[in-house]
Amino acid sequence: MTDLTLRDLIDERHKAHYEEHRIHEKAHEREHAATEQAIKTATVSLDRRLDQMNEFRNALTEQAATFVRRETLDAFITERRHALEVVGDEMDKRYDELRQLIGTEREERRANEGVKRGMSQTTGIIVGAIGVAATLISILVIFANFATGTP
């Protein structure tokens, strides 16, 4: 057996404790390094996400700048509606004028057709009367020839 003195035992125990303390410190340092690395990774990821959110926000802002404001749109629609009403009223007026013009032309055509029909009927009556007169004269000539015996 070895003779160990109390001092040797204390020194050994002290060395073991010191070694345990050193191992614990290294583990603690590794844990801090891992935590720090996780924080850095999370920070980078968060920064990237925030950058993407800022880009998205900027895109929405740019898009919103291209939209027309409601007041402007309402004013434009009101103005266009009024302009269309004016044009519609003008078209109605011209349509009525055109209908009157067409009606007047129809009346003139009817009047001209009436005159033409009247002239045609008069001509027909005159021609018919001449035909009847010629027939009567022919019949009289035949009777006169028959009565006088002249062929």
N, C-alpha and C. Protein backbone atom coordinates (compact mmCIF):
# COMPACT_ATOMS: atom_id res chain seq x y z
N MET A 1 0.79 -1.16 0.00
CA MET A 1 0.00 0.00 0.00
C MET A 1 0.84 1.23 0.00
N THR A 2 0.30 2.18 -0.53
CA THR A 2 1.06 3.41 -0.61
C THR A 2 0.68 4.28 0.56
N ASP A 3 1.67 4.94 0.97
CA ASP A 3 1.41 5.85 2.07
C ASP A 3 1.07 7.21 1.49
N LEU A 4 -0.13 7.54 1.66
CA LEU A 4 -0.56 8.84 1.20
C LEU A 4 -0.81 9.71 2.41
N THR A 5 -0.32 10.84 2.28
CA THR A 5 -0.52 11.77 3.38
C THR A 5 -1.79 12.54 3.12
N LEU A 6 -2.22 13.17 4.11
CA LEU A 6 -3.42 13.98 3.99
C LEU A 6 -3.22 15.07 2.96
N ARG A 7 -2.01 15.55 2.96
CA ARG A 7 -1.71 16.62 2.01
C ARG A 7 -1.79 16.07 0.60
N ASP A 8 -1.30 14.90 0.35
CA ASP A 8 -1.36 14.30 -0.99
C ASP A 8 -2.82 14.08 -1.39
N LEU A 9 -3.60 13.64 -0.47
CA LEU A 9 -5.01 13.41 -0.75
C LEU A 9 -5.70 14.73 -1.11
N ILE A 10 -5.38 15.74 -0.36
CA ILE A 10 -5.99 17.05 -0.63
C ILE A 10 -5.52 17.57 -1.97
N ASP A 11 -4.26 17.39 -2.25
CA ASP A 11 -3.73 17.86 -3.56
C ASP A 11 -4.40 17.09 -4.70
N GLU A 12 -4.52 15.79 -4.54
CA GLU A 12 -5.18 15.02 -5.60
C GLU A 12 -6.63 15.45 -5.76
N ARG A 13 -7.27 15.60 -4.63
CA ARG A 13 -8.66 16.02 -4.70
C ARG A 13 -8.76 17.42 -5.31
N HIS A 14 -7.82 18.27 -4.97
CA HIS A 14 -7.79 19.62 -5.52
C HIS A 14 -7.55 19.57 -7.04
N LYS A 15 -6.62 18.71 -7.49
CA LYS A 15 -6.34 18.57 -8.94
C LYS A 15 -7.58 18.04 -9.65
N ALA A 16 -8.26 17.07 -9.07
CA ALA A 16 -9.46 16.49 -9.68
C ALA A 16 -10.55 17.56 -9.77
N HIS A 17 -10.65 18.32 -8.68
CA HIS A 17 -11.64 19.40 -8.69
C HIS A 17 -11.29 20.45 -9.74
N TYR A 18 -10.03 20.81 -9.82
CA TYR A 18 -9.57 21.78 -10.81
C TYR A 18 -9.84 21.25 -12.22
N GLU A 19 -9.55 19.96 -12.46
CA GLU A 19 -9.77 19.36 -13.78
C GLU A 19 -11.27 19.36 -14.10
N GLU A 20 -12.08 19.04 -13.12
CA GLU A 20 -13.53 19.06 -13.31
C GLU A 20 -14.00 20.48 -13.61
N HIS A 21 -13.45 21.42 -12.91
CA HIS A 21 -13.79 22.82 -13.14
C HIS A 21 -13.39 23.26 -14.55
N ARG A 22 -12.20 22.86 -14.99
CA ARG A 22 -11.72 23.20 -16.33
C ARG A 22 -12.62 22.56 -17.40
N ILE A 23 -13.02 21.33 -17.23
CA ILE A 23 -13.92 20.64 -18.17
C ILE A 23 -15.26 21.37 -18.22
N HIS A 24 -15.75 21.73 -17.05
CA HIS A 24 -17.02 22.46 -16.98
C HIS A 24 -16.92 23.81 -17.68
N GLU A 25 -15.80 24.51 -17.51
CA GLU A 25 -15.59 25.80 -18.18
C GLU A 25 -15.59 25.64 -19.70
N LYS A 26 -14.88 24.60 -20.19
CA LYS A 26 -14.84 24.37 -21.64
C LYS A 26 -16.24 24.05 -22.17
N ALA A 27 -16.99 23.23 -21.44
CA ALA A 27 -18.36 22.90 -21.86
C ALA A 27 -19.22 24.16 -21.86
N HIS A 28 -19.00 24.97 -20.83
CA HIS A 28 -19.75 26.22 -20.74
C HIS A 28 -19.39 27.16 -21.89
N GLU A 29 -18.10 27.23 -22.23
CA GLU A 29 -17.66 28.06 -23.37
C GLU A 29 -18.26 27.55 -24.67
N ARG A 30 -18.28 26.21 -24.84
CA ARG A 30 -18.87 25.63 -26.06
C ARG A 30 -20.37 25.96 -26.12
N GLU A 31 -21.01 25.89 -24.97
CA GLU A 31 -22.44 26.21 -24.92
C GLU A 31 -22.68 27.67 -25.27
N HIS A 32 -21.83 28.55 -24.75
CA HIS A 32 -21.94 29.97 -25.09
C HIS A 32 -21.67 30.19 -26.58
N ALA A 33 -20.68 29.52 -27.13
CA ALA A 33 -20.35 29.66 -28.55
C ALA A 33 -21.53 29.16 -29.41
N ALA A 34 -22.12 28.02 -29.01
CA ALA A 34 -23.26 27.48 -29.76
C ALA A 34 -24.45 28.44 -29.68
N THR A 35 -24.67 28.99 -28.48
CA THR A 35 -25.76 29.95 -28.31
C THR A 35 -25.51 31.19 -29.15
N GLU A 36 -24.28 31.66 -29.12
CA GLU A 36 -23.92 32.84 -29.91
C GLU A 36 -24.09 32.57 -31.40
N GLN A 37 -23.68 31.38 -31.84
CA GLN A 37 -23.84 31.01 -33.26
C GLN A 37 -25.33 30.95 -33.62
N ALA A 38 -26.14 30.39 -32.74
CA ALA A 38 -27.59 30.31 -32.98
C ALA A 38 -28.19 31.71 -33.07
N ILE A 39 -27.72 32.59 -32.19
CA ILE A 39 -28.22 33.97 -32.23
C ILE A 39 -27.82 34.65 -33.53
N LYS A 40 -26.56 34.45 -33.96
CA LYS A 40 -26.11 35.04 -35.23
C LYS A 40 -26.95 34.51 -36.39
N THR A 41 -27.17 33.20 -36.42
CA THR A 41 -27.96 32.59 -37.50
C THR A 41 -29.38 33.13 -37.49
N ALA A 42 -29.96 33.21 -36.29
CA ALA A 42 -31.32 33.74 -36.18
C ALA A 42 -31.37 35.20 -36.59
N THR A 43 -30.34 35.97 -36.24
CA THR A 43 -30.29 37.38 -36.60
C THR A 43 -30.21 37.55 -38.12
N VAL A 44 -29.35 36.74 -38.74
CA VAL A 44 -29.22 36.79 -40.21
C VAL A 44 -30.56 36.43 -40.85
N SER A 45 -31.18 35.37 -40.35
CA SER A 45 -32.47 34.95 -40.90
C SER A 45 -33.52 36.03 -40.71
N LEU A 46 -33.56 36.62 -39.52
CA LEU A 46 -34.52 37.68 -39.24
C LEU A 46 -34.26 38.90 -40.11
N ASP A 47 -32.99 39.26 -40.27
CA ASP A 47 -32.64 40.40 -41.14
C ASP A 47 -33.11 40.14 -42.58
N ARG A 48 -32.90 38.92 -43.04
CA ARG A 48 -33.32 38.56 -44.40
C ARG A 48 -34.85 38.68 -44.53
N ARG A 49 -35.56 38.17 -43.53
CA ARG A 49 -37.01 38.25 -43.55
C ARG A 49 -37.48 39.70 -43.49
N LEU A 50 -36.82 40.51 -42.66
CA LEU A 50 -37.19 41.93 -42.58
C LEU A 50 -36.92 42.65 -43.89
N ASP A 51 -35.79 42.29 -44.54
CA ASP A 51 -35.50 42.89 -45.86
C ASP A 51 -36.59 42.52 -46.86
N GLN A 52 -36.99 41.25 -46.85
CA GLN A 52 -38.06 40.82 -47.76
C GLN A 52 -39.36 41.55 -47.46
N MET A 53 -39.66 41.72 -46.17
CA MET A 53 -40.87 42.45 -45.80
C MET A 53 -40.79 43.91 -46.26
N ASN A 54 -39.62 44.51 -46.13
CA ASN A 54 -39.44 45.90 -46.58
C ASN A 54 -39.60 46.00 -48.09
N GLU A 55 -39.03 45.01 -48.81
CA GLU A 55 -39.19 45.00 -50.26
C GLU A 55 -40.67 44.88 -50.63
N PHE A 56 -41.37 43.99 -49.94
CA PHE A 56 -42.80 43.81 -50.20
C PHE A 56 -43.57 45.10 -49.89
N ARG A 57 -43.23 45.73 -48.77
CA ARG A 57 -43.89 46.98 -48.39
C ARG A 57 -43.62 48.06 -49.45
N ASN A 58 -42.38 48.14 -49.91
CA ASN A 58 -42.03 49.11 -50.96
C ASN A 58 -42.80 48.83 -52.25
N ALA A 59 -42.92 47.54 -52.60
CA ALA A 59 -43.68 47.17 -53.80
C ALA A 59 -45.13 47.60 -53.66
N LEU A 60 -45.71 47.38 -52.47
CA LEU A 60 -47.09 47.80 -52.24
C LEU A 60 -47.23 49.31 -52.32
N THR A 61 -46.25 50.02 -51.76
CA THR A 61 -46.27 51.48 -51.81
C THR A 61 -46.19 51.97 -53.25
N GLU A 62 -45.29 51.37 -54.04
CA GLU A 62 -45.17 51.76 -55.45
C GLU A 62 -46.46 51.44 -56.21
N GLN A 63 -47.04 50.28 -55.90
CA GLN A 63 -48.28 49.91 -56.57
C GLN A 63 -49.40 50.87 -56.19
N ALA A 64 -49.49 51.20 -54.91
CA ALA A 64 -50.53 52.12 -54.45
C ALA A 64 -50.38 53.49 -55.11
N ALA A 65 -49.15 53.86 -55.43
CA ALA A 65 -48.93 55.16 -56.07
C ALA A 65 -49.49 55.19 -57.49
N THR A 66 -49.65 54.00 -58.11
CA THR A 66 -50.19 53.95 -59.46
C THR A 66 -51.71 53.94 -59.48
N PHE A 67 -52.34 53.72 -58.33
CA PHE A 67 -53.80 53.68 -58.26
C PHE A 67 -54.36 55.09 -58.32
N VAL A 68 -55.55 55.18 -58.91
CA VAL A 68 -56.23 56.46 -58.97
C VAL A 68 -57.01 56.64 -57.66
N ARG A 69 -57.05 57.87 -57.19
CA ARG A 69 -57.77 58.15 -55.94
C ARG A 69 -59.27 58.11 -56.22
N ARG A 70 -60.04 57.73 -55.24
CA ARG A 70 -61.48 57.58 -55.38
C ARG A 70 -62.15 58.89 -55.80
N GLU A 71 -61.70 60.00 -55.22
CA GLU A 71 -62.29 61.29 -55.55
C GLU A 71 -62.05 61.63 -57.02
N THR A 72 -60.83 61.34 -57.49
CA THR A 72 -60.49 61.62 -58.89
C THR A 72 -61.34 60.77 -59.81
N LEU A 73 -61.49 59.49 -59.46
CA LEU A 73 -62.28 58.58 -60.28
C LEU A 73 -63.74 59.01 -60.31
N ASP A 74 -64.29 59.36 -59.15
CA ASP A 74 -65.68 59.81 -59.10
C ASP A 74 -65.89 61.07 -59.95
N ALA A 75 -64.95 62.01 -59.86
CA ALA A 75 -65.05 63.24 -60.65
C ALA A 75 -64.98 62.92 -62.14
N PHE A 76 -64.08 62.01 -62.51
CA PHE A 76 -63.93 61.62 -63.92
C PHE A 76 -65.22 60.96 -64.42
N ILE A 77 -65.77 60.05 -63.61
CA ILE A 77 -66.99 59.36 -64.02
C ILE A 77 -68.14 60.35 -64.16
N THR A 78 -68.26 61.27 -63.22
CA THR A 78 -69.32 62.28 -63.30
C THR A 78 -69.17 63.13 -64.57
N GLU A 79 -67.93 63.53 -64.85
CA GLU A 79 -67.68 64.34 -66.05
C GLU A 79 -68.02 63.56 -67.31
N ARG A 80 -67.59 62.30 -67.38
CA ARG A 80 -67.87 61.48 -68.56
C ARG A 80 -69.37 61.23 -68.71
N ARG A 81 -70.04 60.98 -67.57
CA ARG A 81 -71.48 60.74 -67.62
C ARG A 81 -72.19 61.97 -68.17
N HIS A 82 -71.78 63.14 -67.71
CA HIS A 82 -72.39 64.39 -68.21
C HIS A 82 -72.12 64.54 -69.70
N ALA A 83 -70.88 64.29 -70.11
CA ALA A 83 -70.53 64.40 -71.54
C ALA A 83 -71.36 63.43 -72.36
N LEU A 84 -71.54 62.20 -71.86
CA LEU A 84 -72.34 61.22 -72.59
C LEU A 84 -73.80 61.63 -72.65
N GLU A 85 -74.31 62.24 -71.58
CA GLU A 85 -75.69 62.72 -71.61
C GLU A 85 -75.85 63.81 -72.65
N VAL A 86 -74.88 64.71 -72.73
CA VAL A 86 -74.94 65.79 -73.73
C VAL A 86 -74.92 65.18 -75.13
N VAL A 87 -74.02 64.23 -75.35
CA VAL A 87 -73.94 63.58 -76.66
C VAL A 87 -75.23 62.83 -76.95
N GLY A 88 -75.77 62.13 -75.93
CA GLY A 88 -77.02 61.40 -76.12
C GLY A 88 -78.17 62.34 -76.47
N ASP A 89 -78.24 63.48 -75.77
CA ASP A 89 -79.28 64.46 -76.09
C ASP A 89 -79.14 64.98 -77.51
N GLU A 90 -77.90 65.24 -77.92
CA GLU A 90 -77.64 65.72 -79.28
C GLU A 90 -78.04 64.65 -80.31
N MET A 91 -77.72 63.39 -79.99
CA MET A 91 -78.08 62.31 -80.92
C MET A 91 -79.61 62.17 -81.00
N ASP A 92 -80.30 62.30 -79.85
CA ASP A 92 -81.76 62.24 -79.87
C ASP A 92 -82.32 63.36 -80.74
N LYS A 93 -81.76 64.55 -80.59
CA LYS A 93 -82.21 65.70 -81.38
C LYS A 93 -82.00 65.44 -82.87
N ARG A 94 -80.81 64.94 -83.22
CA ARG A 94 -80.53 64.66 -84.64
C ARG A 94 -81.42 63.54 -85.16
N TYR A 95 -81.69 62.53 -84.30
CA TYR A 95 -82.56 61.43 -84.70
C TYR A 95 -83.96 61.95 -85.01
N ASP A 96 -84.45 62.83 -84.13
CA ASP A 96 -85.78 63.42 -84.37
C ASP A 96 -85.79 64.22 -85.67
N GLU A 97 -84.72 65.01 -85.90
CA GLU A 97 -84.63 65.78 -87.14
C GLU A 97 -84.61 64.85 -88.35
N LEU A 98 -83.87 63.76 -88.24
CA LEU A 98 -83.79 62.80 -89.34
C LEU A 98 -85.15 62.14 -89.58
N ARG A 99 -85.85 61.80 -88.51
CA ARG A 99 -87.19 61.21 -88.66
C ARG A 99 -88.13 62.20 -89.34
N GLN A 100 -88.03 63.47 -88.96
CA GLN A 100 -88.89 64.48 -89.60
C GLN A 100 -88.54 64.61 -91.07
N LEU A 101 -87.23 64.61 -91.36
CA LEU A 101 -86.79 64.71 -92.75
C LEU A 101 -87.27 63.52 -93.55
N ILE A 102 -87.13 62.32 -92.98
CA ILE A 102 -87.59 61.12 -93.68
C ILE A 102 -89.11 61.18 -93.86
N GLY A 103 -89.83 61.64 -92.83
CA GLY A 103 -91.29 61.77 -92.93
C GLY A 103 -91.67 62.74 -94.03
N THR A 104 -90.94 63.86 -94.13
CA THR A 104 -91.22 64.86 -95.16
C THR A 104 -90.95 64.27 -96.54
N GLU A 105 -89.85 63.53 -96.67
CA GLU A 105 -89.54 62.90 -97.96
C GLU A 105 -90.59 61.88 -98.33
N ARG A 106 -91.07 61.12 -97.37
CA ARG A 106 -92.13 60.14 -97.64
C ARG A 106 -93.40 60.85 -98.11
N GLU A 107 -93.73 61.93 -97.43
CA GLU A 107 -94.92 62.67 -97.84
C GLU A 107 -94.77 63.20 -99.25
N GLU A 108 -93.56 63.72 -99.57
CA GLU A 108 -93.33 64.21 -100.94
C GLU A 108 -93.43 63.09 -101.94
N ARG A 109 -92.85 61.92 -101.59
CA ARG A 109 -92.93 60.77 -102.50
C ARG A 109 -94.38 60.36 -102.70
N ARG A 110 -95.12 60.32 -101.60
CA ARG A 110 -96.54 59.95 -101.72
C ARG A 110 -97.28 60.96 -102.58
N ALA A 111 -96.97 62.23 -102.38
CA ALA A 111 -97.64 63.27 -103.19
C ALA A 111 -97.26 63.08 -104.66
N ASN A 112 -95.96 62.85 -104.92
CA ASN A 112 -95.52 62.63 -106.31
C ASN A 112 -96.14 61.38 -106.89
N GLU A 113 -96.23 60.33 -106.06
CA GLU A 113 -96.85 59.10 -106.55
C GLU A 113 -98.33 59.34 -106.84
N GLY A 114 -98.97 60.16 -106.00
CA GLY A 114 -100.38 60.48 -106.24
C GLY A 114 -100.56 61.22 -107.55
N VAL A 115 -99.65 62.18 -107.80
CA VAL A 115 -99.71 62.94 -109.05
C VAL A 115 -99.48 62.00 -110.22
N LYS A 116 -98.49 61.13 -110.09
CA LYS A 116 -98.21 60.19 -111.18
C LYS A 116 -99.39 59.26 -111.41
N ARG A 117 -99.99 58.80 -110.33
CA ARG A 117 -101.15 57.92 -110.48
C ARG A 117 -102.31 58.69 -111.14
N GLY A 118 -102.47 59.90 -110.69
CA GLY A 118 -103.55 60.72 -111.27
C GLY A 118 -103.31 60.93 -112.77
N MET A 119 -102.07 61.21 -113.13
CA MET A 119 -101.75 61.41 -114.54
C MET A 119 -101.93 60.10 -115.30
N SER A 120 -101.52 59.01 -114.70
CA SER A 120 -101.66 57.72 -115.36
C SER A 120 -103.13 57.39 -115.55
N GLN A 121 -103.93 57.68 -114.54
CA GLN A 121 -105.36 57.39 -114.65
C GLN A 121 -106.02 58.28 -115.71
N THR A 122 -105.61 59.55 -115.73
CA THR A 122 -106.16 60.47 -116.73
C THR A 122 -105.79 60.00 -118.14
N THR A 123 -104.51 59.61 -118.29
CA THR A 123 -104.05 59.12 -119.59
C THR A 123 -104.84 57.88 -119.98
N GLY A 124 -105.06 57.00 -118.99
CA GLY A 124 -105.83 55.77 -119.26
C GLY A 124 -107.25 56.08 -119.68
N ILE A 125 -107.83 57.05 -119.03
CA ILE A 125 -109.21 57.43 -119.37
C ILE A 125 -109.27 58.00 -120.78
N ILE A 126 -108.30 58.85 -121.11
CA ILE A 126 -108.29 59.46 -122.46
C ILE A 126 -108.10 58.39 -123.52
N VAL A 127 -107.13 57.49 -123.27
CA VAL A 127 -106.88 56.43 -124.26
C VAL A 127 -108.11 55.54 -124.38
N GLY A 128 -108.73 55.25 -123.23
CA GLY A 128 -109.94 54.42 -123.25
C GLY A 128 -111.07 55.10 -124.01
N ALA A 129 -111.20 56.42 -123.77
CA ALA A 129 -112.26 57.17 -124.46
C ALA A 129 -112.01 57.17 -125.97
N ILE A 130 -110.75 57.34 -126.38
CA ILE A 130 -110.42 57.32 -127.82
C ILE A 130 -110.75 55.95 -128.40
N GLY A 131 -110.41 54.91 -127.61
CA GLY A 131 -110.70 53.54 -128.07
C GLY A 131 -112.19 53.31 -128.22
N VAL A 132 -112.97 53.78 -127.23
CA VAL A 132 -114.44 53.63 -127.31
C VAL A 132 -114.97 54.42 -128.49
N ALA A 133 -114.45 55.65 -128.68
CA ALA A 133 -114.91 56.49 -129.81
C ALA A 133 -114.57 55.82 -131.13
N ALA A 134 -113.36 55.24 -131.22
CA ALA A 134 -112.97 54.57 -132.47
C ALA A 134 -113.84 53.36 -132.72
N THR A 135 -114.18 52.65 -131.64
CA THR A 135 -115.04 51.47 -131.79
C THR A 135 -116.43 51.90 -132.26
N LEU A 136 -116.95 52.96 -131.65
CA LEU A 136 -118.28 53.44 -132.04
C LEU A 136 -118.29 53.91 -133.50
N ILE A 137 -117.23 54.62 -133.88
CA ILE A 137 -117.14 55.09 -135.27
C ILE A 137 -117.07 53.90 -136.21
N SER A 138 -116.29 52.87 -135.81
CA SER A 138 -116.17 51.67 -136.66
C SER A 138 -117.52 50.99 -136.79
N ILE A 139 -118.26 50.92 -135.70
CA ILE A 139 -119.58 50.29 -135.74
C ILE A 139 -120.52 51.11 -136.64
N LEU A 140 -120.47 52.43 -136.52
CA LEU A 140 -121.31 53.29 -137.36
C LEU A 140 -120.96 53.13 -138.84
N VAL A 141 -119.68 53.03 -139.11
CA VAL A 141 -119.25 52.85 -140.51
C VAL A 141 -119.77 51.51 -141.02
N ILE A 142 -119.70 50.48 -140.19
CA ILE A 142 -120.18 49.15 -140.62
C ILE A 142 -121.67 49.21 -140.87
N PHE A 143 -122.44 49.84 -139.96
CA PHE A 143 -123.88 49.96 -140.15
C PHE A 143 -124.19 50.80 -141.40
N ALA A 144 -123.43 51.84 -141.58
CA ALA A 144 -123.67 52.69 -142.76
C ALA A 144 -123.37 51.90 -144.03
N ASN A 145 -122.32 51.15 -144.03
CA ASN A 145 -121.99 50.33 -145.20
C ASN A 145 -123.06 49.24 -145.42
N PHE A 146 -123.52 48.69 -144.32
CA PHE A 146 -124.54 47.66 -144.42
C PHE A 146 -125.86 48.25 -144.95
N ALA A 147 -126.19 49.45 -144.46
CA ALA A 147 -127.44 50.07 -144.87
C ALA A 147 -127.36 50.51 -146.34
N THR A 148 -126.24 50.98 -146.77
CA THR A 148 -126.12 51.44 -148.12
C THR A 148 -125.71 50.29 -149.04
N GLY A 149 -125.35 49.21 -148.52
CA GLY A 149 -124.98 48.06 -149.32
C GLY A 149 -123.59 48.17 -149.89
N THR A 150 -122.81 49.01 -149.38
CA THR A 150 -121.45 49.17 -149.86
C THR A 150 -120.55 48.27 -148.98
N PRO A 151 -119.75 47.50 -149.70
CA PRO A 151 -118.90 46.64 -148.90
C PRO A 151 -117.77 47.33 -148.26
